[in-house]
Amino acid sequence: MVDEQAGSTSPDYVEFARAGATAEGEYHCSACGYGIFVRSNLPTCPMCAGTTWEPVEWTFARQQYQA
């Protein structure tokens, strides 16, 4: 979402990735929320056949849980 007056990107803007795109990290299907971790091309969602993925933001709490 671009703020037309300021010409900047909104902090709430999320750029989705499409199935087939090269990606690395954790993603959730934008249609059903199914989560995956990839280090290659994003697949079509195995749960709903969705083709758009939302990257999961890294947070401090996630790092503590994984440690």
N, C-alpha and C. Protein backbone atom coordinates (compact mmCIF):
# COMPACT_ATOMS: atom_id res chain seq x y z
N MET A 1 0.84 -1.16 0.00
CA MET A 1 0.00 0.00 0.00
C MET A 1 0.89 1.23 0.00
N VAL A 2 0.76 2.07 -0.97
CA VAL A 2 1.57 3.28 -1.07
C VAL A 2 0.76 4.46 -0.61
N ASP A 3 1.32 5.24 0.28
CA ASP A 3 0.69 6.47 0.74
C ASP A 3 0.90 7.51 -0.35
N GLU A 4 -0.16 7.88 -1.05
CA GLU A 4 -0.03 8.77 -2.20
C GLU A 4 0.45 10.16 -1.81
N GLN A 5 0.11 10.60 -0.60
CA GLN A 5 0.54 11.94 -0.18
C GLN A 5 2.01 11.96 0.19
N ALA A 6 2.46 10.96 0.92
CA ALA A 6 3.85 10.95 1.37
C ALA A 6 4.77 10.26 0.39
N GLY A 7 4.20 9.42 -0.48
CA GLY A 7 5.02 8.69 -1.45
C GLY A 7 5.83 7.57 -0.83
N SER A 8 5.41 7.08 0.34
CA SER A 8 6.15 6.02 1.00
C SER A 8 5.26 4.79 1.17
N THR A 9 5.89 3.68 1.51
CA THR A 9 5.18 2.44 1.73
C THR A 9 4.65 2.39 3.15
N SER A 10 3.42 1.96 3.32
CA SER A 10 2.81 1.83 4.64
C SER A 10 3.51 0.72 5.42
N PRO A 11 3.67 0.87 6.74
CA PRO A 11 4.29 -0.20 7.53
C PRO A 11 3.43 -1.47 7.58
N ASP A 12 2.16 -1.37 7.24
CA ASP A 12 1.26 -2.53 7.22
C ASP A 12 1.29 -3.27 5.89
N TYR A 13 2.01 -2.76 4.92
CA TYR A 13 2.07 -3.37 3.59
C TYR A 13 2.84 -4.68 3.64
N VAL A 14 2.27 -5.72 3.05
CA VAL A 14 2.93 -7.01 2.97
C VAL A 14 3.01 -7.41 1.50
N GLU A 15 4.21 -7.72 1.05
CA GLU A 15 4.38 -8.15 -0.32
C GLU A 15 4.29 -9.67 -0.37
N PHE A 16 3.35 -10.18 -1.15
CA PHE A 16 3.15 -11.61 -1.27
C PHE A 16 4.06 -12.19 -2.34
N ALA A 17 4.44 -13.44 -2.16
CA ALA A 17 5.23 -14.16 -3.15
C ALA A 17 4.34 -15.18 -3.84
N ARG A 18 4.59 -15.41 -5.10
CA ARG A 18 3.78 -16.36 -5.87
C ARG A 18 4.44 -17.73 -5.92
N ALA A 19 3.61 -18.75 -6.04
CA ALA A 19 4.11 -20.12 -6.21
C ALA A 19 5.04 -20.14 -7.41
N GLY A 20 6.16 -20.82 -7.28
CA GLY A 20 7.17 -20.88 -8.34
C GLY A 20 8.31 -19.91 -8.14
N ALA A 21 8.10 -18.88 -7.29
CA ALA A 21 9.16 -17.90 -7.04
C ALA A 21 10.24 -18.52 -6.15
N THR A 22 11.48 -18.14 -6.37
CA THR A 22 12.58 -18.59 -5.53
C THR A 22 12.49 -17.86 -4.19
N ALA A 23 12.56 -18.62 -3.10
CA ALA A 23 12.41 -18.03 -1.78
C ALA A 23 13.17 -18.85 -0.75
N GLU A 24 13.46 -18.23 0.38
CA GLU A 24 14.07 -18.92 1.51
C GLU A 24 13.47 -18.36 2.78
N GLY A 25 12.99 -19.24 3.64
CA GLY A 25 12.43 -18.80 4.90
C GLY A 25 11.06 -19.40 5.15
N GLU A 26 10.36 -18.82 6.12
CA GLU A 26 9.05 -19.32 6.51
C GLU A 26 7.97 -18.49 5.84
N TYR A 27 6.97 -19.17 5.31
CA TYR A 27 5.85 -18.53 4.61
C TYR A 27 4.55 -19.16 5.03
N HIS A 28 3.47 -18.38 4.98
CA HIS A 28 2.12 -18.88 5.21
C HIS A 28 1.29 -18.63 3.96
N CYS A 29 0.46 -19.60 3.62
CA CYS A 29 -0.45 -19.45 2.49
C CYS A 29 -1.40 -18.30 2.79
N SER A 30 -1.56 -17.38 1.85
CA SER A 30 -2.43 -16.23 2.09
C SER A 30 -3.90 -16.61 2.06
N ALA A 31 -4.24 -17.79 1.53
CA ALA A 31 -5.64 -18.21 1.47
C ALA A 31 -6.07 -18.98 2.72
N CYS A 32 -5.23 -19.94 3.16
CA CYS A 32 -5.67 -20.80 4.27
C CYS A 32 -4.78 -20.73 5.51
N GLY A 33 -3.60 -20.11 5.40
CA GLY A 33 -2.71 -19.97 6.55
C GLY A 33 -1.73 -21.11 6.76
N TYR A 34 -1.75 -22.11 5.87
CA TYR A 34 -0.82 -23.24 5.98
C TYR A 34 0.62 -22.72 5.98
N GLY A 35 1.46 -23.23 6.88
CA GLY A 35 2.82 -22.76 7.00
C GLY A 35 3.84 -23.71 6.41
N ILE A 36 4.87 -23.14 5.79
CA ILE A 36 5.96 -23.94 5.23
C ILE A 36 7.29 -23.23 5.47
N PHE A 37 8.38 -23.98 5.37
CA PHE A 37 9.72 -23.42 5.35
C PHE A 37 10.36 -23.89 4.06
N VAL A 38 10.85 -22.96 3.27
CA VAL A 38 11.43 -23.33 1.97
C VAL A 38 12.84 -22.79 1.81
N ARG A 39 13.59 -23.46 0.94
CA ARG A 39 14.92 -23.01 0.53
C ARG A 39 15.08 -23.23 -0.97
N SER A 40 13.99 -23.07 -1.67
CA SER A 40 14.00 -23.23 -3.13
C SER A 40 12.79 -22.48 -3.68
N ASN A 41 12.05 -23.10 -4.55
CA ASN A 41 10.87 -22.46 -5.13
C ASN A 41 9.64 -22.71 -4.27
N LEU A 42 8.81 -21.68 -4.15
CA LEU A 42 7.56 -21.84 -3.40
C LEU A 42 6.61 -22.76 -4.16
N PRO A 43 6.01 -23.71 -3.47
CA PRO A 43 5.07 -24.62 -4.14
C PRO A 43 3.66 -24.04 -4.16
N THR A 44 2.78 -24.73 -4.83
CA THR A 44 1.35 -24.46 -4.68
C THR A 44 0.98 -25.03 -3.31
N CYS A 45 0.10 -24.37 -2.58
CA CYS A 45 -0.27 -24.83 -1.25
C CYS A 45 -0.86 -26.24 -1.31
N PRO A 46 -0.31 -27.17 -0.52
CA PRO A 46 -0.82 -28.54 -0.55
C PRO A 46 -2.19 -28.69 0.13
N MET A 47 -2.61 -27.69 0.88
CA MET A 47 -3.90 -27.78 1.58
C MET A 47 -5.06 -27.22 0.77
N CYS A 48 -4.83 -26.10 0.07
CA CYS A 48 -5.95 -25.44 -0.62
C CYS A 48 -5.66 -25.10 -2.08
N ALA A 49 -4.47 -25.42 -2.56
CA ALA A 49 -4.03 -25.11 -3.94
C ALA A 49 -3.84 -23.61 -4.16
N GLY A 50 -3.68 -22.85 -3.07
CA GLY A 50 -3.40 -21.42 -3.18
C GLY A 50 -2.06 -21.17 -3.84
N THR A 51 -1.91 -20.00 -4.44
CA THR A 51 -0.67 -19.70 -5.17
C THR A 51 0.05 -18.46 -4.64
N THR A 52 -0.43 -17.87 -3.55
CA THR A 52 0.26 -16.72 -2.98
C THR A 52 0.66 -17.01 -1.54
N TRP A 53 1.86 -16.58 -1.21
CA TRP A 53 2.45 -16.85 0.10
C TRP A 53 2.86 -15.55 0.76
N GLU A 54 2.68 -15.48 2.08
CA GLU A 54 3.06 -14.31 2.87
C GLU A 54 4.28 -14.67 3.71
N PRO A 55 5.36 -13.89 3.61
CA PRO A 55 6.53 -14.19 4.44
C PRO A 55 6.21 -13.96 5.92
N VAL A 56 6.75 -14.81 6.78
CA VAL A 56 6.55 -14.68 8.22
C VAL A 56 7.66 -13.81 8.75
N GLU A 57 7.30 -12.77 9.48
CA GLU A 57 8.30 -11.86 10.04
C GLU A 57 9.03 -12.53 11.18
N TRP A 58 10.32 -12.32 11.24
CA TRP A 58 11.15 -12.81 12.33
C TRP A 58 10.90 -11.93 13.54
N THR A 59 10.77 -12.53 14.72
CA THR A 59 10.60 -11.76 15.95
C THR A 59 11.56 -12.30 17.01
N PHE A 60 11.83 -11.49 18.02
CA PHE A 60 12.71 -11.88 19.11
C PHE A 60 12.16 -13.11 19.83
N ALA A 61 10.86 -13.16 20.04
CA ALA A 61 10.24 -14.30 20.73
C ALA A 61 10.46 -15.59 19.96
N ARG A 62 10.41 -15.55 18.65
CA ARG A 62 10.63 -16.75 17.82
C ARG A 62 12.07 -17.23 17.99
N GLN A 63 13.03 -16.30 18.10
CA GLN A 63 14.42 -16.70 18.26
C GLN A 63 14.61 -17.39 19.61
N GLN A 64 14.01 -16.88 20.67
CA GLN A 64 14.14 -17.50 21.99
C GLN A 64 13.55 -18.89 21.99
N TYR A 65 12.42 -19.09 21.33
CA TYR A 65 11.77 -20.39 21.30
C TYR A 65 12.63 -21.42 20.56
N GLN A 66 13.30 -20.99 19.50
CA GLN A 66 14.10 -21.90 18.69
C GLN A 66 15.44 -22.23 19.33
N ALA A 67 15.89 -21.42 20.26
CA ALA A 67 17.22 -21.61 20.87
C ALA A 67 17.30 -22.80 21.78
